[in-house]
């Protein structure tokens, strides 16, 4: 069966790395992006130049109409999906909770939590054996911040990722007998646009003594998508250079 995978937030960072690795593993890939068409098209070109199959689809995953359109585009141009990597996310303002506005809070939760629900709904409707689907795998991207709490700088982000963990745990049990495995990857400090400021100062404090690169996180994602992980569901894979 052909592997067809949607990766949200795939124009850069961990999502980009996952898209390229997925294509190398034989997946047809939907490279989702919000606004940077140039970057998304570059990912697609890298994949197709290497002989793979990929399309770029613009969609704000916090907007239901966009999510539905994205999945329908994949249905039409690639076929029935077998995998979803919900990677799209934002950090939001850095600083103490007392300084957050309601709009700050709302936007982070819309992207990091609501978007996860909306994408999972569409994936389950298509993959579920109860609906005539062939099953599949969902990998949700969380963060170690969900456990650490990120006091003083990122409590909002941490809380949103705590929701990712709870959602993944519940959904995994809800759909596993419908042929769908749901797992979570929780990266540690990783070299991405989100972490670039202050990376040099923070990296030596990790047990391994450095930050991870997006490809190292993507390897964990690809394992959980793969048939080698056929007995793994409801897991949270920490990829953190040894940090709990």
C-alpha atoms as a PDB file:
ATOM      1  CA  UNK A   1       0.000   0.000   0.000  1.00  0.00           C
ATOM      2  CA  UNK A   2       1.341   3.421  -0.940  1.00  0.00           C
ATOM      3  CA  UNK A   3       2.274   5.622   1.996  1.00  0.00           C
ATOM      4  CA  UNK A   4       0.706   9.078   1.757  1.00  0.00           C
ATOM      5  CA  UNK A   5       1.556  11.458   4.575  1.00  0.00           C
ATOM      6  CA  UNK A   6       0.511  14.988   5.497  1.00  0.00           C
ATOM      7  CA  UNK A   7       3.094  16.946   7.485  1.00  0.00           C
ATOM      8  CA  UNK A   8       1.908  20.255   8.888  1.00  0.00           C
ATOM      9  CA  UNK A   9       4.346  23.117   9.264  1.00  0.00           C
ATOM     10  CA  UNK A  10       6.679  21.390   6.805  1.00  0.00           C
ATOM     11  CA  UNK A  11       8.307  24.343   5.076  1.00  0.00           C
ATOM     12  CA  UNK A  12      11.104  24.565   7.656  1.00  0.00           C
ATOM     13  CA  UNK A  13      12.672  23.039  10.747  1.00  0.00           C
ATOM     14  CA  UNK A  14      11.501  19.685  12.047  1.00  0.00           C
ATOM     15  CA  UNK A  15       8.588  19.526   9.607  1.00  0.00           C
ATOM     16  CA  UNK A  16      10.875  20.067   6.627  1.00  0.00           C
ATOM     17  CA  UNK A  17      13.280  17.385   7.837  1.00  0.00           C
ATOM     18  CA  UNK A  18      10.404  14.954   8.364  1.00  0.00           C
ATOM     19  CA  UNK A  19       9.036  15.636   4.867  1.00  0.00           C
ATOM     20  CA  UNK A  20      12.388  14.899   3.243  1.00  0.00           C
ATOM     21  CA  UNK A  21      12.955  11.728   5.283  1.00  0.00           C
ATOM     22  CA  UNK A  22       9.411  10.552   4.584  1.00  0.00           C
ATOM     23  CA  UNK A  23       9.929  10.996   0.863  1.00  0.00           C
ATOM     24  CA  UNK A  24      13.206   9.056   1.047  1.00  0.00           C
ATOM     25  CA  UNK A  25      11.252   6.260   2.757  1.00  0.00           C
ATOM     26  CA  UNK A  26       8.825   6.153  -0.165  1.00  0.00           C
ATOM     27  CA  UNK A  27       5.999   8.312   1.139  1.00  0.00           C
ATOM     28  CA  UNK A  28       4.112  10.721  -1.070  1.00  0.00           C
ATOM     29  CA  UNK A  29       4.162  13.895   1.012  1.00  0.00           C
ATOM     30  CA  UNK A  30       1.895  16.870   1.493  1.00  0.00           C
ATOM     31  CA  UNK A  31       4.099  19.776   2.572  1.00  0.00           C
ATOM     32  CA  UNK A  32       1.765  22.041   4.531  1.00  0.00           C
ATOM     33  CA  UNK A  33       2.623  25.682   5.147  1.00  0.00           C
ATOM     34  CA  UNK A  34       0.832  28.857   6.215  1.00  0.00           C
ATOM     35  CA  UNK A  35       2.500  31.716   4.325  1.00  0.00           C
ATOM     36  CA  UNK A  36       6.016  30.897   3.099  1.00  0.00           C
ATOM     37  CA  UNK A  37       5.208  29.438  -0.313  1.00  0.00           C
ATOM     38  CA  UNK A  38       8.776  29.862  -1.510  1.00  0.00           C
ATOM     39  CA  UNK A  39      10.140  27.689   1.296  1.00  0.00           C
ATOM     40  CA  UNK A  40       7.424  25.050   0.860  1.00  0.00           C
ATOM     41  CA  UNK A  41       7.993  24.890  -2.890  1.00  0.00           C
ATOM     42  CA  UNK A  42      11.718  24.443  -2.236  1.00  0.00           C
ATOM     43  CA  UNK A  43      10.980  21.400  -0.055  1.00  0.00           C
ATOM     44  CA  UNK A  44       8.750  19.954  -2.771  1.00  0.00           C
ATOM     45  CA  UNK A  45      11.447  20.561  -5.396  1.00  0.00           C
ATOM     46  CA  UNK A  46      14.092  18.838  -3.265  1.00  0.00           C
ATOM     47  CA  UNK A  47      11.811  15.819  -2.947  1.00  0.00           C
ATOM     48  CA  UNK A  48      10.759  15.646  -6.608  1.00  0.00           C
ATOM     49  CA  UNK A  49      14.305  16.258  -7.875  1.00  0.00           C
ATOM     50  CA  UNK A  50      15.296  13.138  -5.927  1.00  0.00           C
ATOM     51  CA  UNK A  51      12.513  11.140  -7.593  1.00  0.00           C
ATOM     52  CA  UNK A  52       9.897  11.435  -4.858  1.00  0.00           C
ATOM     53  CA  UNK A  53       6.321  12.685  -4.929  1.00  0.00           C
ATOM     54  CA  UNK A  54       5.190  15.778  -3.051  1.00  0.00           C
ATOM     55  CA  UNK A  55       2.792  18.698  -3.180  1.00  0.00           C
ATOM     56  CA  UNK A  56       2.677  21.934  -1.207  1.00  0.00           C
ATOM     57  CA  UNK A  57      -0.656  22.996   0.280  1.00  0.00           C
ATOM     58  CA  UNK A  58      -1.247  26.279   2.076  1.00  0.00           C
ATOM     59  CA  UNK A  59      -3.529  25.972   5.101  1.00  0.00           C
ATOM     60  CA  UNK A  60      -3.822  27.529   8.531  1.00  0.00           C
ATOM     61  CA  UNK A  61      -4.405  24.434  10.624  1.00  0.00           C
ATOM     62  CA  UNK A  62      -6.359  26.434  13.214  1.00  0.00           C
ATOM     63  CA  UNK A  63      -9.025  27.195  10.572  1.00  0.00           C
ATOM     64  CA  UNK A  64     -11.406  24.303   9.959  1.00  0.00           C
ATOM     65  CA  UNK A  65     -12.181  25.265   6.357  1.00  0.00           C
ATOM     66  CA  UNK A  66      -8.463  25.353   5.549  1.00  0.00           C
ATOM     67  CA  UNK A  67      -7.900  21.936   7.118  1.00  0.00           C
ATOM     68  CA  UNK A  68     -10.792  20.375   5.221  1.00  0.00           C
ATOM     69  CA  UNK A  69      -9.547  21.891   1.963  1.00  0.00           C
ATOM     70  CA  UNK A  70      -6.036  20.570   2.597  1.00  0.00           C
ATOM     71  CA  UNK A  71      -7.233  17.025   3.199  1.00  0.00           C
ATOM     72  CA  UNK A  72      -9.527  17.149   0.171  1.00  0.00           C
ATOM     73  CA  UNK A  73      -6.629  18.369  -1.972  1.00  0.00           C
ATOM     74  CA  UNK A  74      -4.525  15.425  -0.821  1.00  0.00           C
ATOM     75  CA  UNK A  75      -7.423  13.037  -1.536  1.00  0.00           C
ATOM     76  CA  UNK A  76      -7.566  14.350  -5.083  1.00  0.00           C
ATOM     77  CA  UNK A  77      -3.882  14.789  -5.909  1.00  0.00           C
ATOM     78  CA  UNK A  78      -2.153  12.039  -3.908  1.00  0.00           C
ATOM     79  CA  UNK A  79      -4.816   9.599  -2.683  1.00  0.00           C
ATOM     80  CA  UNK A  80      -6.020   8.220   0.667  1.00  0.00           C
ATOM     81  CA  UNK A  81      -3.690   9.274   3.465  1.00  0.00           C
ATOM     82  CA  UNK A  82      -1.903   6.754   5.645  1.00  0.00           C
ATOM     83  CA  UNK A  83      -0.016   9.170   7.893  1.00  0.00           C
ATOM     84  CA  UNK A  84      -0.338  12.517   9.611  1.00  0.00           C
ATOM     85  CA  UNK A  85       2.429  14.427  11.362  1.00  0.00           C
ATOM     86  CA  UNK A  86       0.934  17.346  13.289  1.00  0.00           C
ATOM     87  CA  UNK A  87       3.996  19.524  13.611  1.00  0.00           C
ATOM     88  CA  UNK A  88       2.655  23.058  13.068  1.00  0.00           C
ATOM     89  CA  UNK A  89       3.043  25.123  16.197  1.00  0.00           C
ATOM     90  CA  UNK A  90       3.996  28.514  17.588  1.00  0.00           C
ATOM     91  CA  UNK A  91       5.658  29.548  20.824  1.00  0.00           C
ATOM     92  CA  UNK A  92       3.885  32.818  21.467  1.00  0.00           C
ATOM     93  CA  UNK A  93       5.318  35.716  23.493  1.00  0.00           C
ATOM     94  CA  UNK A  94       8.186  34.935  25.853  1.00  0.00           C
ATOM     95  CA  UNK A  95       7.736  36.238  29.370  1.00  0.00           C
ATOM     96  CA  UNK A  96       5.764  35.718  32.568  1.00  0.00           C
ATOM     97  CA  UNK A  97       2.128  34.700  32.607  1.00  0.00           C
ATOM     98  CA  UNK A  98       1.056  38.052  34.060  1.00  0.00           C
ATOM     99  CA  UNK A  99       2.116  39.817  30.852  1.00  0.00           C
ATOM    100  CA  UNK A 100       0.141  37.633  28.431  1.00  0.00           C
ATOM    101  CA  UNK A 101      -2.922  39.069  26.742  1.00  0.00           C
ATOM    102  CA  UNK A 102      -6.074  37.118  26.041  1.00  0.00           C
ATOM    103  CA  UNK A 103      -5.242  37.327  22.331  1.00  0.00           C
ATOM    104  CA  UNK A 104      -1.763  35.867  22.990  1.00  0.00           C
ATOM    105  CA  UNK A 105      -3.277  32.935  24.844  1.00  0.00           C
ATOM    106  CA  UNK A 106      -6.025  32.377  22.318  1.00  0.00           C
ATOM    107  CA  UNK A 107      -3.694  32.308  19.310  1.00  0.00           C
ATOM    108  CA  UNK A 108      -1.242  29.802  20.794  1.00  0.00           C
ATOM    109  CA  UNK A 109      -4.065  27.474  21.838  1.00  0.00           C
ATOM    110  CA  UNK A 110      -5.737  27.819  18.442  1.00  0.00           C
ATOM    111  CA  UNK A 111      -2.620  26.770  16.553  1.00  0.00           C
ATOM    112  CA  UNK A 112      -1.120  24.251  18.973  1.00  0.00           C
ATOM    113  CA  UNK A 113      -4.279  22.587  20.282  1.00  0.00           C
ATOM    114  CA  UNK A 114      -7.313  23.372  18.120  1.00  0.00           C
ATOM    115  CA  UNK A 115      -5.258  22.755  14.973  1.00  0.00           C
ATOM    116  CA  UNK A 116      -4.240  19.361  16.315  1.00  0.00           C
ATOM    117  CA  UNK A 117      -7.874  18.379  16.899  1.00  0.00           C
ATOM    118  CA  UNK A 118      -9.008  19.566  13.465  1.00  0.00           C
ATOM    119  CA  UNK A 119      -6.274  17.703  11.598  1.00  0.00           C
ATOM    120  CA  UNK A 120      -6.790  14.528  13.631  1.00  0.00           C
ATOM    121  CA  UNK A 121     -10.529  14.594  12.942  1.00  0.00           C
ATOM    122  CA  UNK A 122      -9.984  14.645   9.194  1.00  0.00           C
ATOM    123  CA  UNK A 123      -7.281  11.977   9.382  1.00  0.00           C
ATOM    124  CA  UNK A 124      -9.376   9.617  11.497  1.00  0.00           C
ATOM    125  CA  UNK A 125     -12.371   9.981   9.193  1.00  0.00           C
ATOM    126  CA  UNK A 126     -10.205   8.792   6.314  1.00  0.00           C
ATOM    127  CA  UNK A 127      -8.001   6.182   8.009  1.00  0.00           C
ATOM    128  CA  UNK A 128     -10.473   4.470  10.330  1.00  0.00           C
ATOM    129  CA  UNK A 129     -11.330   0.919   9.396  1.00  0.00           C
ATOM    130  CA  UNK A 130     -14.784   1.649  10.836  1.00  0.00           C
ATOM    131  CA  UNK A 131     -15.206   4.114   7.961  1.00  0.00           C
ATOM    132  CA  UNK A 132     -13.768   1.798   5.321  1.00  0.00           C
ATOM    133  CA  UNK A 133     -10.228   3.126   5.633  1.00  0.00           C
ATOM    134  CA  UNK A 134      -7.057   1.070   5.721  1.00  0.00           C
ATOM    135  CA  UNK A 135      -5.691   2.360   9.021  1.00  0.00           C
ATOM    136  CA  UNK A 136      -2.629   4.517   9.490  1.00  0.00           C
ATOM    137  CA  UNK A 137      -0.444   6.410  11.925  1.00  0.00           C
ATOM    138  CA  UNK A 138      -0.579   9.839  13.528  1.00  0.00           C
ATOM    139  CA  UNK A 139       2.431  11.472  15.155  1.00  0.00           C
ATOM    140  CA  UNK A 140       1.817  14.626  17.183  1.00  0.00           C
ATOM    141  CA  UNK A 141       4.740  16.897  18.008  1.00  0.00           C
ATOM    142  CA  UNK A 142       4.862  17.908  21.651  1.00  0.00           C
ATOM    143  CA  UNK A 143       7.765  19.286  23.691  1.00  0.00           C
ATOM    144  CA  UNK A 144       9.673  18.613  26.859  1.00  0.00           C
ATOM    145  CA  UNK A 145       8.293  21.968  27.983  1.00  0.00           C
ATOM    146  CA  UNK A 146       5.051  20.139  28.765  1.00  0.00           C
ATOM    147  CA  UNK A 147       6.815  18.484  31.711  1.00  0.00           C
ATOM    148  CA  UNK A 148       9.245  21.256  32.621  1.00  0.00           C
ATOM    149  CA  UNK A 149       6.592  23.971  32.595  1.00  0.00           C
ATOM    150  CA  UNK A 150       8.972  26.667  31.255  1.00  0.00           C
ATOM    151  CA  UNK A 151       8.392  29.146  34.120  1.00  0.00           C
ATOM    152  CA  UNK A 152       9.129  32.772  33.411  1.00  0.00           C
ATOM    153  CA  UNK A 153       9.331  32.474  29.656  1.00  0.00           C
ATOM    154  CA  UNK A 154       7.027  29.877  28.169  1.00  0.00           C
ATOM    155  CA  UNK A 155       4.246  28.656  30.459  1.00  0.00           C
ATOM    156  CA  UNK A 156       1.661  29.238  27.719  1.00  0.00           C
ATOM    157  CA  UNK A 157       3.624  27.167  25.215  1.00  0.00           C
ATOM    158  CA  UNK A 158       4.236  24.466  27.834  1.00  0.00           C
ATOM    159  CA  UNK A 159       0.533  24.324  28.680  1.00  0.00           C
ATOM    160  CA  UNK A 160      -0.380  23.943  25.019  1.00  0.00           C
ATOM    161  CA  UNK A 161       2.045  21.053  24.694  1.00  0.00           C
ATOM    162  CA  UNK A 162       0.648  19.467  27.850  1.00  0.00           C
ATOM    163  CA  UNK A 163      -2.672  19.489  26.007  1.00  0.00           C
ATOM    164  CA  UNK A 164      -0.972  17.775  23.054  1.00  0.00           C
ATOM    165  CA  UNK A 165       0.148  14.977  25.376  1.00  0.00           C
ATOM    166  CA  UNK A 166      -3.296  14.505  26.923  1.00  0.00           C
ATOM    167  CA  UNK A 167      -5.003  14.628  23.550  1.00  0.00           C
ATOM    168  CA  UNK A 168      -2.628  12.060  22.078  1.00  0.00           C
ATOM    169  CA  UNK A 169      -3.065   9.694  25.020  1.00  0.00           C
ATOM    170  CA  UNK A 170      -6.845   9.803  24.743  1.00  0.00           C
ATOM    171  CA  UNK A 171      -7.039   9.639  20.957  1.00  0.00           C
ATOM    172  CA  UNK A 172      -4.592   6.738  20.821  1.00  0.00           C
ATOM    173  CA  UNK A 173      -6.891   4.606  22.977  1.00  0.00           C
ATOM    174  CA  UNK A 174      -9.989   5.776  21.135  1.00  0.00           C
ATOM    175  CA  UNK A 175      -8.851   4.775  17.645  1.00  0.00           C
ATOM    176  CA  UNK A 176      -6.328   1.979  18.063  1.00  0.00           C
ATOM    177  CA  UNK A 177      -8.928  -0.708  17.267  1.00  0.00           C
ATOM    178  CA  UNK A 178      -9.820   1.257  14.156  1.00  0.00           C
ATOM    179  CA  UNK A 179      -6.361   0.539  12.769  1.00  0.00           C
ATOM    180  CA  UNK A 180      -4.848   3.904  13.722  1.00  0.00           C
ATOM    181  CA  UNK A 181      -1.775   4.267  15.886  1.00  0.00           C
ATOM    182  CA  UNK A 182      -1.285   7.625  17.648  1.00  0.00           C
ATOM    183  CA  UNK A 183       2.028   8.579  19.208  1.00  0.00           C
ATOM    184  CA  UNK A 184       3.858  11.708  20.311  1.00  0.00           C
ATOM    185  CA  UNK A 185       7.408  12.953  19.818  1.00  0.00           C
ATOM    186  CA  UNK A 186       8.680  15.407  22.438  1.00  0.00           C
ATOM    187  CA  UNK A 187      11.822  17.150  21.198  1.00  0.00           C
ATOM    188  CA  UNK A 188      14.347  18.707  23.488  1.00  0.00           C
ATOM    189  CA  UNK A 189      16.389  21.770  22.530  1.00  0.00           C
ATOM    190  CA  UNK A 190      16.588  21.706  18.743  1.00  0.00           C
ATOM    191  CA  UNK A 191      18.157  24.008  16.170  1.00  0.00           C
ATOM    192  CA  UNK A 192      15.086  25.678  14.670  1.00  0.00           C
ATOM    193  CA  UNK A 193      13.867  29.225  14.095  1.00  0.00           C
ATOM    194  CA  UNK A 194      11.895  28.974  17.345  1.00  0.00           C
ATOM    195  CA  UNK A 195      15.009  28.358  19.448  1.00  0.00           C
ATOM    196  CA  UNK A 196      17.739  30.188  17.537  1.00  0.00           C
ATOM    197  CA  UNK A 197      17.909  33.112  19.977  1.00  0.00           C
ATOM    198  CA  UNK A 198      19.862  31.975  23.015  1.00  0.00           C
ATOM    199  CA  UNK A 199      20.732  28.565  21.543  1.00  0.00           C
ATOM    200  CA  UNK A 200      24.473  28.949  22.134  1.00  0.00           C
ATOM    201  CA  UNK A 201      23.896  29.668  25.811  1.00  0.00           C
ATOM    202  CA  UNK A 202      21.383  26.870  26.409  1.00  0.00           C
ATOM    203  CA  UNK A 203      22.913  24.038  24.381  1.00  0.00           C
ATOM    204  CA  UNK A 204      25.906  23.266  26.666  1.00  0.00           C
ATOM    205  CA  UNK A 205      23.500  22.690  29.569  1.00  0.00           C
ATOM    206  CA  UNK A 206      21.928  19.650  27.906  1.00  0.00           C
ATOM    207  CA  UNK A 207      23.264  16.276  29.083  1.00  0.00           C
ATOM    208  CA  UNK A 208      24.697  15.583  25.609  1.00  0.00           C
ATOM    209  CA  UNK A 209      26.233  19.055  25.548  1.00  0.00           C
ATOM    210  CA  UNK A 210      24.571  20.274  22.369  1.00  0.00           C
ATOM    211  CA  UNK A 211      21.248  20.996  20.725  1.00  0.00           C
ATOM    212  CA  UNK A 212      19.681  18.456  18.420  1.00  0.00           C
ATOM    213  CA  UNK A 213      19.203  19.054  14.732  1.00  0.00           C
ATOM    214  CA  UNK A 214      15.847  18.723  12.966  1.00  0.00           C
ATOM    215  CA  UNK A 215      16.899  15.529  11.191  1.00  0.00           C
ATOM    216  CA  UNK A 216      17.504  13.802  14.527  1.00  0.00           C
ATOM    217  CA  UNK A 217      13.969  14.622  15.648  1.00  0.00           C
ATOM    218  CA  UNK A 218      12.607  13.556  12.268  1.00  0.00           C
ATOM    219  CA  UNK A 219      14.205  10.128  12.660  1.00  0.00           C
ATOM    220  CA  UNK A 220      12.029   9.535  15.708  1.00  0.00           C
ATOM    221  CA  UNK A 221       8.961  10.694  13.810  1.00  0.00           C
ATOM    222  CA  UNK A 222       9.718   8.371  10.926  1.00  0.00           C
ATOM    223  CA  UNK A 223      10.164   5.390  13.244  1.00  0.00           C
ATOM    224  CA  UNK A 224       6.720   5.943  14.760  1.00  0.00           C
ATOM    225  CA  UNK A 225       5.179   6.277  11.288  1.00  0.00           C
ATOM    226  CA  UNK A 226       6.850   3.113  10.083  1.00  0.00           C
ATOM    227  CA  UNK A 227       5.652  -0.479  10.089  1.00  0.00           C
ATOM    228  CA  UNK A 228       8.511  -1.261  12.490  1.00  0.00           C
ATOM    229  CA  UNK A 229       6.440   0.549  15.149  1.00  0.00           C
ATOM    230  CA  UNK A 230       3.351  -1.587  14.486  1.00  0.00           C
ATOM    231  CA  UNK A 231       2.895  -2.443  18.186  1.00  0.00           C
ATOM    232  CA  UNK A 232       3.540   1.078  19.438  1.00  0.00           C
ATOM    233  CA  UNK A 233       0.621   3.357  20.196  1.00  0.00           C
ATOM    234  CA  UNK A 234       0.021   5.866  23.014  1.00  0.00           C
ATOM    235  CA  UNK A 235       3.783   6.381  23.389  1.00  0.00           C
ATOM    236  CA  UNK A 236       5.587   9.658  24.018  1.00  0.00           C
ATOM    237  CA  UNK A 237       9.070   9.498  22.528  1.00  0.00           C
ATOM    238  CA  UNK A 238      11.433  11.988  24.163  1.00  0.00           C
ATOM    239  CA  UNK A 239      14.215  13.022  21.750  1.00  0.00           C
ATOM    240  CA  UNK A 240      16.262  15.341  23.922  1.00  0.00           C
ATOM    241  CA  UNK A 241      19.942  14.486  24.135  1.00  0.00           C
ATOM    242  CA  UNK A 242      19.410  12.906  27.543  1.00  0.00           C
ATOM    243  CA  UNK A 243      17.312  15.620  29.180  1.00  0.00           C
ATOM    244  CA  UNK A 244      14.319  14.179  31.121  1.00  0.00           C
END
